[in-house]
Structure formats: C-alpha cells, structure tokens
C-alpha cells in the first residue's frame, strides 16, 4: 500500500499489526496492516520516538513528551529541557525518556537529562548530566545510556533514579547503539564495537572508521562505517562479508520479509538495497523521492521518504518481485547466451 503524510517521515513504529508513522511537522497516524487508518494526531513538532503500551502510546515531539490514547486523543503532555530524543515504556509502570540541549553558538550538545514519569504523566525523577546519550536501553528495569563526550562510557540508573557511571571497553564516544538478543551493542566514534551483557562489557571489533549504525541479526551483528563500508559478523565477531557503499548510505534495520533468515536494508538516495548476511545483493527497490527511514518485521517492510510517502510491502509481494527480477535476469542471460552462440556459428 501507499500512504502519505504532509512532511518528511521522521519515525516509523511497528507493533503487532499496527503501523505508526510520524513526520517532521508533528503529524502522527496509526494504520492497521490493511491500510485502514485507526486514528491520527496533530502534535506540536517533529516525531522522533514512539513507545507503545496496551492502552496508550507516548511520543517524543520536539520539546515535548506526549501521551496519546488508542483513539488518538491526548492524555497529557510534558515539556522537557531541550529536545525530547527517545522514550521507552518499561514493565515497571514507568516511562523513561532522555532529552538534550544543543547550543547553536558552540555547535555542540551542552546538557542532557534522564526523566522518569508514571503512566499518569507525573514526574518521578530527573537527572541532569553534561554528555549527550546516543542510545538508551532498559535492562532489568534499569536505563542504560551510552554517552558521548566528554565523559563517554555508560551511565546506568537504578530503580530510584540514581545514576552510576561505568567505563566501556573503549574510552571513546558512543555514536550509536542497539539492544537485541539479551545484549546491548555500542558503536564508537573510533570504529570499535563494544557489547554489554549481564553487566559484563567486552570489545568485539575495531574497524578503521567511526561507526554510523550497528544492528543485531539472527547470526550476530553488522555495522556501517562512516566511509560507507558495510560489514557483517557472526556471534563470535568473525567477519562473514562486506561491501562498500557511498558515504551517504545508511543501514536502518535488519528484518526479514525477503528470506527466512532476514537481511540488511540499506538506504542509498532514492534506492533501497536489500542484502543477505554475507552482504550479497538480494534485491534493489527504487523510489521517486529520497528515502529517509526504513522499518520492518517478518511480515512487512515499511519505507518512508523525504516527501512524506509511506510504502508498505508484504512478504508475498516482495517474494513475487524477487521472482520476477530473477526471471528477468535469467531471460536476459539466456538471450546473451543465444547471441554468443550465433556469433560463434558465424
């Protein structure tokens, strides 16, 4: 299906059969998998993060944290300090959020904060610190934040909201992170990847360029470096494949409507390149405008563009597209073979 929002797509969230999409002007819409709109909400600013519970959802919208019920009505709104960057709803009945303040004069983040609210929107605690968190995971109910400069490392908050700092295996700024398979992976600006699992930290790999994206896979993990090099590794951090792409490319996720094992989905301008876990090309999709975001699961792939378009692909449709592409490729190969045979007969 094809749907659209007024502005560039800024956030895509999949939860069961529901598809939630937000844009840069604060529009947030929820569709079911058939493409029927369930509700819409007009928020104050860009949607940067969405967390979903059974009865409501919470979205980061510009400077605010906004709770919305399942009919699209606002329950409450809280203004944070600086931009609201990320939100997670915990199983402890608390909403965890991080915010950051960007100083235009200095061209850097000057202060950040970790917030906790109950489901009614009442503030439980707030802790401020100098570094900008580039990733937040909830592990055993504790918020774990991967920090940038100057302190770098890991900041872990207890159930009471008190923070404790830990050194990661690389004394280098965290540039990205992902939680999956009971562990958190942190990409660093110096090209290394560290893993946090059961309070144990270890360094997995060290590459040449800063890590732009790190993603978990069914076989291990993959990273995209600042120079556009995509590398895949198994659970033992052994390289399984690599491929070079333009520096403007960006891996958004790893999911599997294309094969049982899944694949990488990489943005390259108007194109989306789908690869297997050996970084071999599976499929290429082309769109009329530049792609901004990708998300998906075992049934759906969702592509958002800078013009606000949303393309939703089902597994069966992608399988047909791949079969057609393969058939066309084989036909062209057969034709070239026939032409060669004719030339040889002459």
Protein backbone atom coordinates (compact mmCIF):
# COMPACT_ATOMS: atom_id res chain seq x y z
CA UNK A 1 0.00 0.00 0.00
CA UNK A 2 0.97 3.64 -0.38
CA UNK A 3 0.07 6.32 2.15
CA UNK A 4 1.38 9.82 2.81
CA UNK A 5 1.95 12.49 5.46
CA UNK A 6 2.46 16.23 4.85
CA UNK A 7 6.18 16.30 5.71
CA UNK A 8 9.30 14.12 5.68
CA UNK A 9 8.91 10.84 7.55
CA UNK A 10 10.80 11.04 10.86
CA UNK A 11 9.66 7.95 12.79
CA UNK A 12 8.21 4.51 11.98
CA UNK A 13 6.99 2.15 14.69
CA UNK A 14 5.62 -1.37 14.19
CA UNK A 15 3.65 -3.01 16.98
CA UNK A 16 1.75 -6.18 16.14
CA UNK A 17 -0.46 -5.38 13.16
CA UNK A 18 -0.40 -1.63 13.76
CA UNK A 19 1.80 0.79 11.83
CA UNK A 20 2.52 4.16 13.44
CA UNK A 21 4.26 6.84 11.39
CA UNK A 22 5.26 10.37 12.35
CA UNK A 23 6.66 13.28 10.33
CA UNK A 24 8.73 16.42 10.84
CA UNK A 25 5.75 18.67 11.48
CA UNK A 26 4.23 16.53 14.27
CA UNK A 27 1.66 14.52 12.35
CA UNK A 28 1.24 11.01 13.77
CA UNK A 29 -1.03 8.41 12.14
CA UNK A 30 -1.81 4.80 13.03
CA UNK A 31 -2.91 2.33 10.32
CA UNK A 32 -3.75 -1.35 10.54
CA UNK A 33 -1.98 -3.80 8.24
CA UNK A 34 -4.79 -3.49 5.67
CA UNK A 35 -4.11 0.23 5.33
CA UNK A 36 -7.18 1.49 7.18
CA UNK A 37 -6.49 4.47 9.42
CA UNK A 38 -7.26 3.80 13.09
CA UNK A 39 -6.50 7.28 14.39
CA UNK A 40 -4.47 10.42 13.70
CA UNK A 41 -2.92 13.07 15.93
CA UNK A 42 -1.60 16.56 15.19
CA UNK A 43 1.35 17.16 17.51
CA UNK A 44 3.49 20.24 18.20
CA UNK A 45 6.71 19.24 16.39
CA UNK A 46 8.82 16.51 14.79
CA UNK A 47 8.12 12.96 15.96
CA UNK A 48 11.47 11.40 16.92
CA UNK A 49 10.49 8.37 19.01
CA UNK A 50 7.37 6.32 19.80
CA UNK A 51 6.80 3.86 22.65
CA UNK A 52 3.64 1.74 22.82
CA UNK A 53 1.78 0.07 25.69
CA UNK A 54 -1.53 -1.79 25.69
CA UNK A 55 -3.72 1.24 26.42
CA UNK A 56 -1.76 4.20 25.08
CA UNK A 57 1.41 5.39 23.36
CA UNK A 58 3.97 8.07 24.18
CA UNK A 59 5.79 10.09 21.53
CA UNK A 60 8.72 12.50 21.59
CA UNK A 61 7.52 15.56 19.68
CA UNK A 62 10.03 18.37 19.54
CA UNK A 63 10.46 19.64 23.10
CA UNK A 64 7.54 17.65 24.48
CA UNK A 65 6.66 14.16 25.63
CA UNK A 66 3.05 13.47 24.60
CA UNK A 67 0.81 10.58 25.71
CA UNK A 68 -2.00 9.58 23.32
CA UNK A 69 -4.79 7.05 23.85
CA UNK A 70 -5.83 4.41 21.32
CA UNK A 71 -8.44 6.74 19.82
CA UNK A 72 -5.87 9.42 19.02
CA UNK A 73 -6.75 11.73 21.92
CA UNK A 74 -4.09 13.45 24.01
CA UNK A 75 -3.89 12.22 27.59
CA UNK A 76 -1.14 14.52 28.80
CA UNK A 77 1.94 16.43 27.64
CA UNK A 78 5.18 17.28 29.42
CA UNK A 79 7.73 19.80 28.21
CA UNK A 80 11.30 18.59 28.68
CA UNK A 81 14.53 20.60 28.72
CA UNK A 82 15.78 20.82 25.15
CA UNK A 83 14.65 18.29 22.57
CA UNK A 84 12.86 15.11 23.60
CA UNK A 85 15.07 12.45 21.98
CA UNK A 86 13.91 8.98 22.98
CA UNK A 87 11.21 7.30 25.07
CA UNK A 88 10.72 3.74 26.37
CA UNK A 89 7.77 2.35 28.33
CA UNK A 90 9.04 -0.08 30.96
CA UNK A 91 7.34 -3.07 32.51
CA UNK A 92 7.79 -1.37 35.88
CA UNK A 93 4.91 1.02 35.16
CA UNK A 94 7.28 3.88 34.35
CA UNK A 95 8.02 5.91 31.24
CA UNK A 96 11.73 6.52 30.64
CA UNK A 97 12.85 9.42 28.43
CA UNK A 98 16.02 11.32 27.53
CA UNK A 99 16.39 14.91 26.36
CA UNK A 100 19.29 17.08 25.23
CA UNK A 101 20.11 20.77 24.85
CA UNK A 102 22.01 21.86 21.76
CA UNK A 103 23.99 25.10 21.93
CA UNK A 104 23.98 26.75 18.50
CA UNK A 105 26.82 29.13 19.42
CA UNK A 106 29.16 26.28 20.41
CA UNK A 107 27.76 23.82 17.85
CA UNK A 108 27.53 21.03 20.41
CA UNK A 109 25.25 19.44 23.00
CA UNK A 110 25.70 21.19 26.34
CA UNK A 111 23.42 19.28 28.73
CA UNK A 112 21.18 16.23 28.79
CA UNK A 113 18.66 14.74 31.19
CA UNK A 114 17.13 11.38 32.04
CA UNK A 115 13.43 11.56 33.01
CA UNK A 116 11.01 9.12 34.65
CA UNK A 117 7.22 9.56 34.62
CA UNK A 118 4.38 7.33 35.75
CA UNK A 119 1.58 6.44 33.35
CA UNK A 120 -0.43 9.47 34.51
CA UNK A 121 2.39 11.80 33.44
CA UNK A 122 3.59 12.63 36.96
CA UNK A 123 7.33 13.23 37.12
CA UNK A 124 9.10 10.70 39.33
CA UNK A 125 12.68 11.88 38.93
CA UNK A 126 15.05 13.76 36.65
CA UNK A 127 18.84 13.54 36.48
CA UNK A 128 20.97 16.02 34.53
CA UNK A 129 24.46 15.49 33.13
CA UNK A 130 26.83 17.04 30.57
CA UNK A 131 27.01 14.30 27.94
CA UNK A 132 24.56 13.55 25.15
CA UNK A 133 23.23 9.95 25.26
CA UNK A 134 23.30 8.34 21.80
CA UNK A 135 21.46 5.20 22.87
CA UNK A 136 19.17 4.09 25.71
CA UNK A 137 18.26 0.50 26.63
CA UNK A 138 16.22 -0.89 29.51
CA UNK A 139 17.99 -3.86 31.08
CA UNK A 140 16.33 -5.47 34.12
CA UNK A 141 14.33 -2.29 34.55
CA UNK A 142 17.42 -0.07 34.61
CA UNK A 143 18.05 2.58 31.98
CA UNK A 144 21.48 2.18 30.37
CA UNK A 145 22.75 5.21 28.43
CA UNK A 146 25.71 5.22 26.05
CA UNK A 147 27.37 8.63 26.33
CA UNK A 148 29.24 10.99 24.04
CA UNK A 149 31.96 13.44 25.05
CA UNK A 150 33.38 14.45 27.44
CA UNK A 151 32.87 11.52 29.82
CA UNK A 152 31.93 8.81 27.28
CA UNK A 153 31.21 5.38 28.78
CA UNK A 154 27.95 4.04 30.20
CA UNK A 155 25.52 5.67 32.63
CA UNK A 156 23.18 3.26 34.46
CA UNK A 157 20.22 4.46 36.53
CA UNK A 158 18.89 2.49 39.47
CA UNK A 159 15.24 1.89 40.34
CA UNK A 160 15.39 5.06 42.45
CA UNK A 161 16.63 7.10 39.51
CA UNK A 162 20.22 7.49 40.73
CA UNK A 163 22.93 7.31 38.06
CA UNK A 164 26.18 5.32 38.21
CA UNK A 165 28.92 5.70 35.58
CA UNK A 166 30.85 2.76 34.12
CA UNK A 167 33.75 2.72 31.69
CA UNK A 168 33.15 0.89 28.44
CA UNK A 169 35.89 -1.20 26.87
CA UNK A 170 36.72 1.71 24.59
CA UNK A 171 37.33 5.13 26.14
CA UNK A 172 35.71 6.76 23.13
CA UNK A 173 32.37 8.48 22.46
CA UNK A 174 29.38 6.24 21.80
CA UNK A 175 27.98 7.09 18.36
CA UNK A 176 25.08 4.61 18.17
CA UNK A 177 23.65 1.51 19.84
CA UNK A 178 21.11 -1.27 19.63
CA UNK A 179 19.52 -3.73 22.04
CA UNK A 180 18.89 -7.29 20.89
CA UNK A 181 19.42 -10.94 21.83
CA UNK A 182 19.74 -10.04 25.55
CA UNK A 183 22.68 -7.71 24.95
CA UNK A 184 23.36 -4.09 24.05
CA UNK A 185 25.85 -3.22 21.32
CA UNK A 186 27.51 0.20 21.25
CA UNK A 187 29.20 1.64 18.18
CA UNK A 188 32.03 4.09 18.88
CA UNK A 189 33.43 7.08 17.03
CA UNK A 190 36.86 5.39 16.74
CA UNK A 191 35.48 2.39 14.82
CA UNK A 192 35.09 -0.09 17.65
CA UNK A 193 32.01 -2.00 18.81
CA UNK A 194 31.53 -2.98 22.46
CA UNK A 195 28.93 -5.29 23.97
CA UNK A 196 27.16 -5.09 27.33
CA UNK A 197 25.67 -8.37 28.51
CA UNK A 198 24.73 -9.18 32.12
CA UNK A 199 26.82 -6.25 33.45
CA UNK A 200 29.89 -7.55 31.56
CA UNK A 201 31.47 -5.29 28.95
CA UNK A 202 33.71 -6.54 26.15
CA UNK A 203 35.19 -5.10 22.99
CA UNK A 204 34.12 -7.07 19.90
CA UNK A 205 35.85 -5.45 16.92
CA UNK A 206 37.92 -2.44 15.89
CA UNK A 207 37.44 -1.06 12.38
CA UNK A 208 39.04 1.87 10.56
CA UNK A 209 36.23 4.44 10.55
CA UNK A 210 33.62 5.67 13.02
CA UNK A 211 30.50 3.53 13.39
CA UNK A 212 27.40 5.12 11.86
CA UNK A 213 25.00 2.22 12.52
CA UNK A 214 25.15 -1.06 14.44
CA UNK A 215 22.39 -3.67 14.09
CA UNK A 216 21.67 -7.12 15.53
CA UNK A 217 20.99 -10.10 13.25
CA UNK A 218 19.93 -13.69 13.77
CA UNK A 219 23.55 -14.71 13.20
CA UNK A 220 25.37 -11.91 15.02
CA UNK A 221 25.63 -8.23 14.11
CA UNK A 222 26.54 -5.80 11.35
CA UNK A 223 28.00 -2.30 11.22
CA UNK A 224 28.07 0.55 8.73
CA UNK A 225 31.13 2.78 8.95
CA UNK A 226 31.28 6.49 8.15
CA UNK A 227 33.06 5.71 4.87
CA UNK A 228 30.11 3.56 3.69
CA UNK A 229 31.68 0.16 4.36
CA UNK A 230 29.07 -2.41 5.47
CA UNK A 231 30.43 -5.45 7.35
CA UNK A 232 28.64 -8.50 8.74
CA UNK A 233 29.85 -10.62 11.67
CA UNK A 234 28.70 -13.80 13.40
CA UNK A 235 28.17 -14.11 17.17
CA UNK A 236 31.93 -14.74 17.62
CA UNK A 237 32.72 -11.43 15.88
CA UNK A 238 34.13 -13.26 12.85
CA UNK A 239 33.61 -11.40 9.58
CA UNK A 240 31.08 -13.06 7.23
CA UNK A 241 31.00 -10.49 4.45
CA UNK A 242 31.43 -6.85 3.46
CA UNK A 243 30.53 -4.42 0.70
CA UNK A 244 31.40 -0.80 0.02
CA UNK A 245 28.64 1.78 -0.49
CA UNK A 246 28.56 5.59 -0.86
CA UNK A 247 29.23 7.50 2.35
CA UNK A 248 25.68 8.90 2.22
CA UNK A 249 24.22 5.40 2.66
CA UNK A 250 22.68 4.34 5.95
CA UNK A 251 21.55 0.98 7.28
CA UNK A 252 18.32 1.38 9.20
CA UNK A 253 17.48 -2.12 10.27
CA UNK A 254 17.73 -5.87 9.79
CA UNK A 255 14.49 -7.78 9.33
CA UNK A 256 13.07 -10.46 7.11
CA UNK A 257 10.30 -10.18 4.58
CA UNK A 258 12.79 -11.29 1.91
CA UNK A 259 14.03 -14.60 3.30
CA UNK A 260 13.68 -16.86 6.33
CA UNK A 261 16.97 -15.61 7.74
CA UNK A 262 16.34 -11.94 7.11
CA UNK A 263 18.53 -9.33 5.51
CA UNK A 264 20.03 -5.87 5.66
CA UNK A 265 18.11 -2.86 4.36
CA UNK A 266 20.34 -0.03 3.26
CA UNK A 267 19.32 3.45 2.11
CA UNK A 268 21.20 4.89 -0.85
CA UNK A 269 19.45 8.05 -2.03
CA UNK A 270 16.26 7.02 -3.84
CA UNK A 271 17.25 3.35 -3.71
CA UNK A 272 16.90 0.72 -1.02
CA UNK A 273 19.39 -2.10 -1.30
CA UNK A 274 18.48 -5.43 0.34
CA UNK A 275 21.37 -7.77 1.18
CA UNK A 276 21.83 -11.14 2.85
CA UNK A 277 24.01 -11.69 5.91
CA UNK A 278 27.06 -12.17 3.68
CA UNK A 279 26.47 -8.67 2.27
CA UNK A 280 25.48 -10.12 -1.11
CA UNK A 281 22.78 -8.25 -3.05
CA UNK A 282 19.28 -9.76 -2.95
CA UNK A 283 17.01 -7.01 -4.22
CA UNK A 284 17.01 -3.32 -5.10
CA UNK A 285 13.94 -1.10 -4.77
CA UNK A 286 13.77 2.33 -6.37
CA UNK A 287 11.52 5.20 -5.23
CA UNK A 288 10.58 8.54 -6.83
CA UNK A 289 11.93 10.56 -3.88
CA UNK A 290 14.80 10.18 -1.44
CA UNK A 291 14.29 7.56 1.27
CA UNK A 292 14.55 8.76 4.88
CA UNK A 293 13.59 5.76 7.05
CA UNK A 294 13.05 2.00 6.97
CA UNK A 295 11.44 -0.38 9.44
CA UNK A 296 10.02 -3.88 9.23
CA UNK A 297 9.43 -7.33 10.67
CA UNK A 298 8.89 -10.85 9.34
CA UNK A 299 5.70 -9.80 7.51
CA UNK A 300 6.11 -6.18 6.44
CA UNK A 301 8.71 -3.75 5.12
CA UNK A 302 7.92 -0.04 5.50
CA UNK A 303 9.75 2.67 3.57
CA UNK A 304 9.36 6.38 4.40
CA UNK A 305 10.58 9.18 2.12
CA UNK A 306 11.56 12.81 2.47
CA UNK A 307 8.37 13.82 0.65
CA UNK A 308 6.20 12.11 3.27
CA UNK A 309 5.38 8.98 1.26
CA UNK A 310 4.97 5.65 3.05
CA UNK A 311 5.35 2.40 1.10
CA UNK A 312 4.29 -0.82 2.81
CA UNK A 313 5.38 -4.14 1.27
CA UNK A 314 4.10 -7.56 2.33
CA UNK A 315 6.27 -10.66 2.31
CA UNK A 316 4.36 -12.37 -0.51
CA UNK A 317 4.53 -9.27 -2.71
CA UNK A 318 8.28 -8.94 -2.17
CA UNK A 319 8.71 -12.64 -2.97
CA UNK A 320 6.86 -12.12 -6.27
CA UNK A 321 9.01 -9.05 -7.02
CA UNK A 322 12.17 -11.05 -6.36
CA UNK A 323 10.93 -13.95 -8.51
CA UNK A 324 10.10 -11.58 -11.37
CA UNK A 325 13.50 -9.91 -11.08
CA UNK A 326 15.25 -13.27 -11.05
CA UNK A 327 13.19 -14.46 -14.03
CA UNK A 328 14.01 -11.30 -15.99
CA UNK A 329 17.68 -11.66 -15.13
CA UNK A 330 17.68 -15.30 -16.26
CA UNK A 331 15.88 -14.37 -19.52
CA UNK A 332 18.48 -11.72 -20.28
CA UNK A 333 21.25 -14.19 -19.51
CA UNK A 334 19.66 -16.78 -21.83
CA UNK A 335 19.35 -14.16 -24.59
CA UNK A 336 23.02 -13.18 -24.24
CA UNK A 337 23.97 -16.86 -24.41
CA UNK A 338 21.97 -17.33 -27.64
CA UNK A 339 23.61 -14.28 -29.20
CA UNK A 340 27.04 -15.61 -28.31
CA UNK A 341 26.17 -18.97 -29.89
CA UNK A 342 25.02 -17.27 -33.08
CA UNK A 343 28.22 -15.25 -33.30
CA UNK A 344 30.28 -18.39 -32.78
CA UNK A 345 28.44 -20.20 -35.59
CA UNK A 346 29.35 -17.37 -37.98
